[in-house]
Amino acid sequence: IPVSFRGRRGGYTHCMFLNDEPAIAGGRE
């Protein structure tokens, strides 16, 4: 989702789905 934070524009990741356990564990942790 396009957002702004303290005047800077960026993106907020709302949800993700993938098929790889290391990437799930590493991404979350």
All heavy atoms as atom14 arrays in JSON, in Angstrom:
{
  "sequence": "IPVSFRGRRGGYTHCMFLNDEPAIAGGRE",
  "atom14_mask": [
    [1, 1, 1, 1, 1, 1, 1, 1, 0, 0, 0, 0, 0, 0],
    [1, 1, 1, 1, 1, 1, 1, 0, 0, 0, 0, 0, 0, 0],
    [1, 1, 1, 1, 1, 1, 1, 0, 0, 0, 0, 0, 0, 0],
    [1, 1, 1, 1, 1, 1, 0, 0, 0, 0, 0, 0, 0, 0],
    [1, 1, 1, 1, 1, 1, 1, 1, 1, 1, 1, 0, 0, 0],
    [1, 1, 1, 1, 1, 1, 1, 1, 1, 1, 1, 0, 0, 0],
    [1, 1, 1, 1, 0, 0, 0, 0, 0, 0, 0, 0, 0, 0],
    [1, 1, 1, 1, 1, 1, 1, 1, 1, 1, 1, 0, 0, 0],
    [1, 1, 1, 1, 1, 1, 1, 1, 1, 1, 1, 0, 0, 0],
    [1, 1, 1, 1, 0, 0, 0, 0, 0, 0, 0, 0, 0, 0],
    [1, 1, 1, 1, 0, 0, 0, 0, 0, 0, 0, 0, 0, 0],
    [1, 1, 1, 1, 1, 1, 1, 1, 1, 1, 1, 1, 0, 0],
    [1, 1, 1, 1, 1, 1, 1, 0, 0, 0, 0, 0, 0, 0],
    [1, 1, 1, 1, 1, 1, 1, 1, 1, 1, 0, 0, 0, 0],
    [1, 1, 1, 1, 1, 1, 0, 0, 0, 0, 0, 0, 0, 0],
    [1, 1, 1, 1, 1, 1, 1, 1, 0, 0, 0, 0, 0, 0],
    [1, 1, 1, 1, 1, 1, 1, 1, 1, 1, 1, 0, 0, 0],
    [1, 1, 1, 1, 1, 1, 1, 1, 0, 0, 0, 0, 0, 0],
    [1, 1, 1, 1, 1, 1, 1, 1, 0, 0, 0, 0, 0, 0],
    [1, 1, 1, 1, 1, 1, 1, 1, 0, 0, 0, 0, 0, 0],
    [1, 1, 1, 1, 1, 1, 1, 1, 1, 0, 0, 0, 0, 0],
    [1, 1, 1, 1, 1, 1, 1, 0, 0, 0, 0, 0, 0, 0],
    [1, 1, 1, 1, 1, 0, 0, 0, 0, 0, 0, 0, 0, 0],
    [1, 1, 1, 1, 1, 1, 1, 1, 0, 0, 0, 0, 0, 0],
    [1, 1, 1, 1, 1, 0, 0, 0, 0, 0, 0, 0, 0, 0],
    [1, 1, 1, 1, 0, 0, 0, 0, 0, 0, 0, 0, 0, 0],
    [1, 1, 1, 1, 0, 0, 0, 0, 0, 0, 0, 0, 0, 0],
    [1, 1, 1, 1, 1, 1, 1, 1, 1, 1, 1, 0, 0, 0],
    [1, 1, 1, 1, 1, 1, 1, 1, 1, 0, 0, 0, 0, 0]
  ],
  "atom14_positions": [
    [[0.85, -1.19, 0.0], [0.0, 0.0, 0.0], [0.89, 1.25, 0.0], [1.73, 1.4, 0.9], [-0.92, 0.0, 1.23], [-1.82, -1.24, 1.21], [-1.76, 1.28, 1.3], [-2.59, -1.46, 2.51], [0.0, 0.0, 0.0], [0.0, 0.0, 0.0], [0.0, 0.0, 0.0], [0.0, 0.0, 0.0], [0.0, 0.0, 0.0], [0.0, 0.0, 0.0]],
    [[0.73, 2.15, -0.97], [1.46, 3.41, -0.93], [1.07, 4.24, 0.3], [-0.12, 4.44, 0.57], [1.03, 4.11, -2.22], [0.58, 3.0, -3.13], [-0.06, 1.99, -2.21], [0.0, 0.0, 0.0], [0.0, 0.0, 0.0], [0.0, 0.0, 0.0], [0.0, 0.0, 0.0], [0.0, 0.0, 0.0], [0.0, 0.0, 0.0], [0.0, 0.0, 0.0]],
    [[2.08, 4.67, 1.05], [1.86, 5.41, 2.3], [2.89, 6.54, 2.39], [3.81, 6.63, 1.58], [2.0, 4.49, 3.54], [0.92, 3.43, 3.56], [3.4, 3.88, 3.61], [0.0, 0.0, 0.0], [0.0, 0.0, 0.0], [0.0, 0.0, 0.0], [0.0, 0.0, 0.0], [0.0, 0.0, 0.0], [0.0, 0.0, 0.0], [0.0, 0.0, 0.0]],
    [[2.72, 7.36, 3.42], [3.74, 8.34, 3.77], [4.06, 8.21, 5.25], [3.19, 7.86, 6.06], [3.29, 9.76, 3.44], [2.13, 10.11, 4.17], [0.0, 0.0, 0.0], [0.0, 0.0, 0.0], [0.0, 0.0, 0.0], [0.0, 0.0, 0.0], [0.0, 0.0, 0.0], [0.0, 0.0, 0.0], [0.0, 0.0, 0.0], [0.0, 0.0, 0.0]],
    [[5.32, 8.49, 5.59], [5.78, 8.43, 6.98], [6.67, 9.64, 7.23], [7.74, 9.75, 6.64], [6.55, 7.13, 7.23], [7.15, 7.03, 8.61], [6.33, 6.84, 9.73], [8.52, 7.12, 8.8], [6.88, 6.75, 11.0], [9.07, 7.02, 10.06], [8.25, 6.84, 11.17], [0.0, 0.0, 0.0], [0.0, 0.0, 0.0], [0.0, 0.0, 0.0]],
    [[6.17, 10.54, 8.07], [6.91, 11.77, 8.39], [7.34, 12.5, 7.13], [8.47, 12.97, 7.01], [8.11, 11.45, 9.29], [7.7, 10.86, 10.64], [8.91, 10.39, 11.45], [8.48, 9.78, 12.71], [9.28, 9.09, 13.51], [10.56, 8.92, 13.19], [8.82, 8.57, 14.62], [0.0, 0.0, 0.0], [0.0, 0.0, 0.0], [0.0, 0.0, 0.0]],
    [[6.42, 12.58, 6.2], [6.65, 13.33, 4.98], [7.35, 12.56, 3.87], [7.51, 13.09, 2.76], [0.0, 0.0, 0.0], [0.0, 0.0, 0.0], [0.0, 0.0, 0.0], [0.0, 0.0, 0.0], [0.0, 0.0, 0.0], [0.0, 0.0, 0.0], [0.0, 0.0, 0.0], [0.0, 0.0, 0.0], [0.0, 0.0, 0.0], [0.0, 0.0, 0.0]],
    [[7.77, 11.32, 4.12], [8.44, 10.52, 3.1], [7.48, 9.48, 2.55], [6.83, 8.78, 3.31], [9.68, 9.83, 3.68], [10.77, 10.79, 4.13], [12.01, 10.06, 4.59], [11.74, 9.24, 5.76], [11.99, 7.93, 5.84], [12.51, 7.29, 4.82], [11.73, 7.27, 6.94], [0.0, 0.0, 0.0], [0.0, 0.0, 0.0], [0.0, 0.0, 0.0]],
    [[7.44, 9.37, 1.22], [6.55, 8.41, 0.59], [7.24, 7.06, 0.45], [8.43, 6.99, 0.13], [6.12, 8.92, -0.78], [5.21, 10.14, -0.72], [4.68, 10.51, -2.07], [3.75, 11.6, -2.0], [3.07, 12.09, -3.06], [3.27, 11.54, -4.25], [2.23, 13.09, -2.92], [0.0, 0.0, 0.0], [0.0, 0.0, 0.0], [0.0, 0.0, 0.0]],
    [[6.46, 6.0, 0.69], [6.99, 4.66, 0.58], [5.87, 3.67, 0.42], [4.75, 4.01, 0.02], [0.0, 0.0, 0.0], [0.0, 0.0, 0.0], [0.0, 0.0, 0.0], [0.0, 0.0, 0.0], [0.0, 0.0, 0.0], [0.0, 0.0, 0.0], [0.0, 0.0, 0.0], [0.0, 0.0, 0.0], [0.0, 0.0, 0.0], [0.0, 0.0, 0.0]],
    [[6.17, 2.4, 0.75], [5.16, 1.35, 0.62], [5.07, 0.53, 1.89], [6.08, 0.18, 2.5], [0.0, 0.0, 0.0], [0.0, 0.0, 0.0], [0.0, 0.0, 0.0], [0.0, 0.0, 0.0], [0.0, 0.0, 0.0], [0.0, 0.0, 0.0], [0.0, 0.0, 0.0], [0.0, 0.0, 0.0], [0.0, 0.0, 0.0], [0.0, 0.0, 0.0]],
    [[3.85, 0.22, 2.3], [3.59, -0.63, 3.48], [3.14, -2.0, 2.99], [2.14, -2.12, 2.27], [2.51, 0.0, 4.36], [1.99, -0.92, 5.44], [2.81, -1.33, 6.49], [0.67, -1.39, 5.41], [2.34, -2.18, 7.48], [0.19, -2.23, 6.4], [1.02, -2.63, 7.43], [0.55, -3.47, 8.41], [0.0, 0.0, 0.0], [0.0, 0.0, 0.0]],
    [[3.87, -3.04, 3.37], [3.53, -4.39, 2.95], [2.42, -4.92, 3.83], [2.6, -5.15, 5.03], [4.76, -5.31, 3.02], [5.81, -4.76, 2.21], [4.41, -6.69, 2.49], [0.0, 0.0, 0.0], [0.0, 0.0, 0.0], [0.0, 0.0, 0.0], [0.0, 0.0, 0.0], [0.0, 0.0, 0.0], [0.0, 0.0, 0.0], [0.0, 0.0, 0.0]],
    [[1.26, -5.14, 3.22], [0.06, -5.54, 3.95], [-0.04, -7.05, 4.13], [-0.4, -7.53, 5.21], [-1.16, -5.01, 3.19], [-2.47, -5.51, 3.69], [-2.86, -5.37, 5.01], [-3.49, -6.15, 3.05], [-4.06, -5.9, 5.17], [-4.46, -6.39, 4.01], [0.0, 0.0, 0.0], [0.0, 0.0, 0.0], [0.0, 0.0, 0.0], [0.0, 0.0, 0.0]],
    [[0.3, -7.83, 3.09], [0.23, -9.29, 3.2], [1.11, -9.9, 2.11], [1.35, -9.3, 1.07], [-1.2, -9.8, 3.07], [-1.94, -9.51, 1.45], [0.0, 0.0, 0.0], [0.0, 0.0, 0.0], [0.0, 0.0, 0.0], [0.0, 0.0, 0.0], [0.0, 0.0, 0.0], [0.0, 0.0, 0.0], [0.0, 0.0, 0.0], [0.0, 0.0, 0.0]],
    [[1.6, -11.12, 2.39], [2.45, -11.83, 1.45], [2.19, -13.32, 1.55], [1.96, -13.85, 2.64], [3.94, -11.56, 1.73], [4.32, -10.1, 1.76], [6.08, -9.87, 2.08], [6.7, -10.03, 0.41], [0.0, 0.0, 0.0], [0.0, 0.0, 0.0], [0.0, 0.0, 0.0], [0.0, 0.0, 0.0], [0.0, 0.0, 0.0], [0.0, 0.0, 0.0]],
    [[2.26, -14.0, 0.4], [2.09, -15.45, 0.34], [3.2, -16.0, -0.55], [3.45, -15.49, -1.64], [0.72, -15.8, -0.24], [-0.43, -15.24, 0.55], [-0.91, -13.96, 0.29], [-1.01, -15.97, 1.58], [-1.95, -13.42, 1.03], [-2.04, -15.44, 2.33], [-2.52, -14.17, 2.06], [0.0, 0.0, 0.0], [0.0, 0.0, 0.0], [0.0, 0.0, 0.0]],
    [[3.87, -17.07, -0.08], [4.98, -17.64, -0.83], [5.13, -19.12, -0.54], [4.47, -19.66, 0.36], [6.28, -16.89, -0.53], [6.75, -16.85, 0.92], [8.26, -16.64, 0.97], [6.08, -15.7, 1.67], [0.0, 0.0, 0.0], [0.0, 0.0, 0.0], [0.0, 0.0, 0.0], [0.0, 0.0, 0.0], [0.0, 0.0, 0.0], [0.0, 0.0, 0.0]],
    [[6.02, -19.76, -1.32], [6.12, -21.22, -1.29], [7.51, -21.69, -0.87], [8.01, -22.67, -1.4], [5.76, -21.79, -2.66], [6.6, -21.19, -3.79], [7.5, -20.39, -3.55], [6.31, -21.59, -5.01], [0.0, 0.0, 0.0], [0.0, 0.0, 0.0], [0.0, 0.0, 0.0], [0.0, 0.0, 0.0], [0.0, 0.0, 0.0], [0.0, 0.0, 0.0]],
    [[8.13, -20.99, 0.1], [9.51, -21.31, 0.48], [9.68, -21.1, 1.99], [9.57, -19.97, 2.47], [10.46, -20.4, -0.3], [11.91, -20.72, -0.03], [12.35, -21.84, -0.34], [12.61, -19.83, 0.49], [0.0, 0.0, 0.0], [0.0, 0.0, 0.0], [0.0, 0.0, 0.0], [0.0, 0.0, 0.0], [0.0, 0.0, 0.0], [0.0, 0.0, 0.0]],
    [[9.97, -22.18, 2.71], [10.02, -22.09, 4.18], [11.14, -21.19, 4.69], [10.91, -20.39, 5.6], [10.15, -23.5, 4.77], [9.92, -23.57, 6.28], [11.17, -23.31, 7.08], [12.27, -23.53, 6.55], [11.05, -22.88, 8.25], [0.0, 0.0, 0.0], [0.0, 0.0, 0.0], [0.0, 0.0, 0.0], [0.0, 0.0, 0.0], [0.0, 0.0, 0.0]],
    [[12.38, -21.26, 4.19], [13.42, -20.36, 4.7], [13.06, -18.88, 4.52], [13.31, -18.06, 5.42], [14.65, -20.73, 3.88], [14.42, -22.14, 3.46], [12.94, -22.24, 3.23], [0.0, 0.0, 0.0], [0.0, 0.0, 0.0], [0.0, 0.0, 0.0], [0.0, 0.0, 0.0], [0.0, 0.0, 0.0], [0.0, 0.0, 0.0], [0.0, 0.0, 0.0]],
    [[12.46, -18.54, 3.38], [12.09, -17.15, 3.14], [10.93, -16.72, 4.05], [10.86, -15.56, 4.47], [11.71, -16.96, 1.68], [0.0, 0.0, 0.0], [0.0, 0.0, 0.0], [0.0, 0.0, 0.0], [0.0, 0.0, 0.0], [0.0, 0.0, 0.0], [0.0, 0.0, 0.0], [0.0, 0.0, 0.0], [0.0, 0.0, 0.0], [0.0, 0.0, 0.0]],
    [[10.01, -17.63, 4.36], [8.94, -17.3, 5.3], [9.52, -17.04, 6.69], [9.24, -16.02, 7.32], [7.9, -18.43, 5.36], [7.13, -18.53, 4.04], [6.91, -18.2, 6.51], [6.18, -19.7, 3.96], [0.0, 0.0, 0.0], [0.0, 0.0, 0.0], [0.0, 0.0, 0.0], [0.0, 0.0, 0.0], [0.0, 0.0, 0.0], [0.0, 0.0, 0.0]],
    [[10.37, -17.98, 7.17], [10.94, -17.84, 8.52], [11.83, -16.61, 8.61], [11.71, -15.8, 9.54], [11.72, -19.1, 8.87], [0.0, 0.0, 0.0], [0.0, 0.0, 0.0], [0.0, 0.0, 0.0], [0.0, 0.0, 0.0], [0.0, 0.0, 0.0], [0.0, 0.0, 0.0], [0.0, 0.0, 0.0], [0.0, 0.0, 0.0], [0.0, 0.0, 0.0]],
    [[12.75, -16.45, 7.65], [13.65, -15.31, 7.69], [12.94, -13.99, 7.52], [13.23, -13.01, 8.22], [0.0, 0.0, 0.0], [0.0, 0.0, 0.0], [0.0, 0.0, 0.0], [0.0, 0.0, 0.0], [0.0, 0.0, 0.0], [0.0, 0.0, 0.0], [0.0, 0.0, 0.0], [0.0, 0.0, 0.0], [0.0, 0.0, 0.0], [0.0, 0.0, 0.0]],
    [[11.98, -13.94, 6.61], [11.24, -12.71, 6.4], [10.47, -12.26, 7.62], [10.46, -11.08, 7.98], [0.0, 0.0, 0.0], [0.0, 0.0, 0.0], [0.0, 0.0, 0.0], [0.0, 0.0, 0.0], [0.0, 0.0, 0.0], [0.0, 0.0, 0.0], [0.0, 0.0, 0.0], [0.0, 0.0, 0.0], [0.0, 0.0, 0.0], [0.0, 0.0, 0.0]],
    [[9.83, -13.19, 8.3], [9.06, -12.85, 9.5], [9.97, -12.48, 10.66], [9.73, -11.5, 11.37], [8.16, -14.03, 9.88], [7.01, -14.26, 8.92], [6.29, -15.57, 9.18], [5.64, -15.58, 10.48], [4.33, -15.42, 10.67], [3.53, -15.25, 9.64], [3.81, -15.44, 11.88], [0.0, 0.0, 0.0], [0.0, 0.0, 0.0], [0.0, 0.0, 0.0]],
    [[11.03, -13.29, 10.89], [11.85, -13.11, 12.08], [12.78, -11.91, 11.99], [12.99, -11.19, 12.98], [12.65, -14.38, 12.36], [11.77, -15.57, 12.74], [12.55, -16.87, 12.84], [13.8, -16.84, 12.79], [11.91, -17.93, 12.96], [0.0, 0.0, 0.0], [0.0, 0.0, 0.0], [0.0, 0.0, 0.0], [0.0, 0.0, 0.0], [0.0, 0.0, 0.0]]
  ]
}
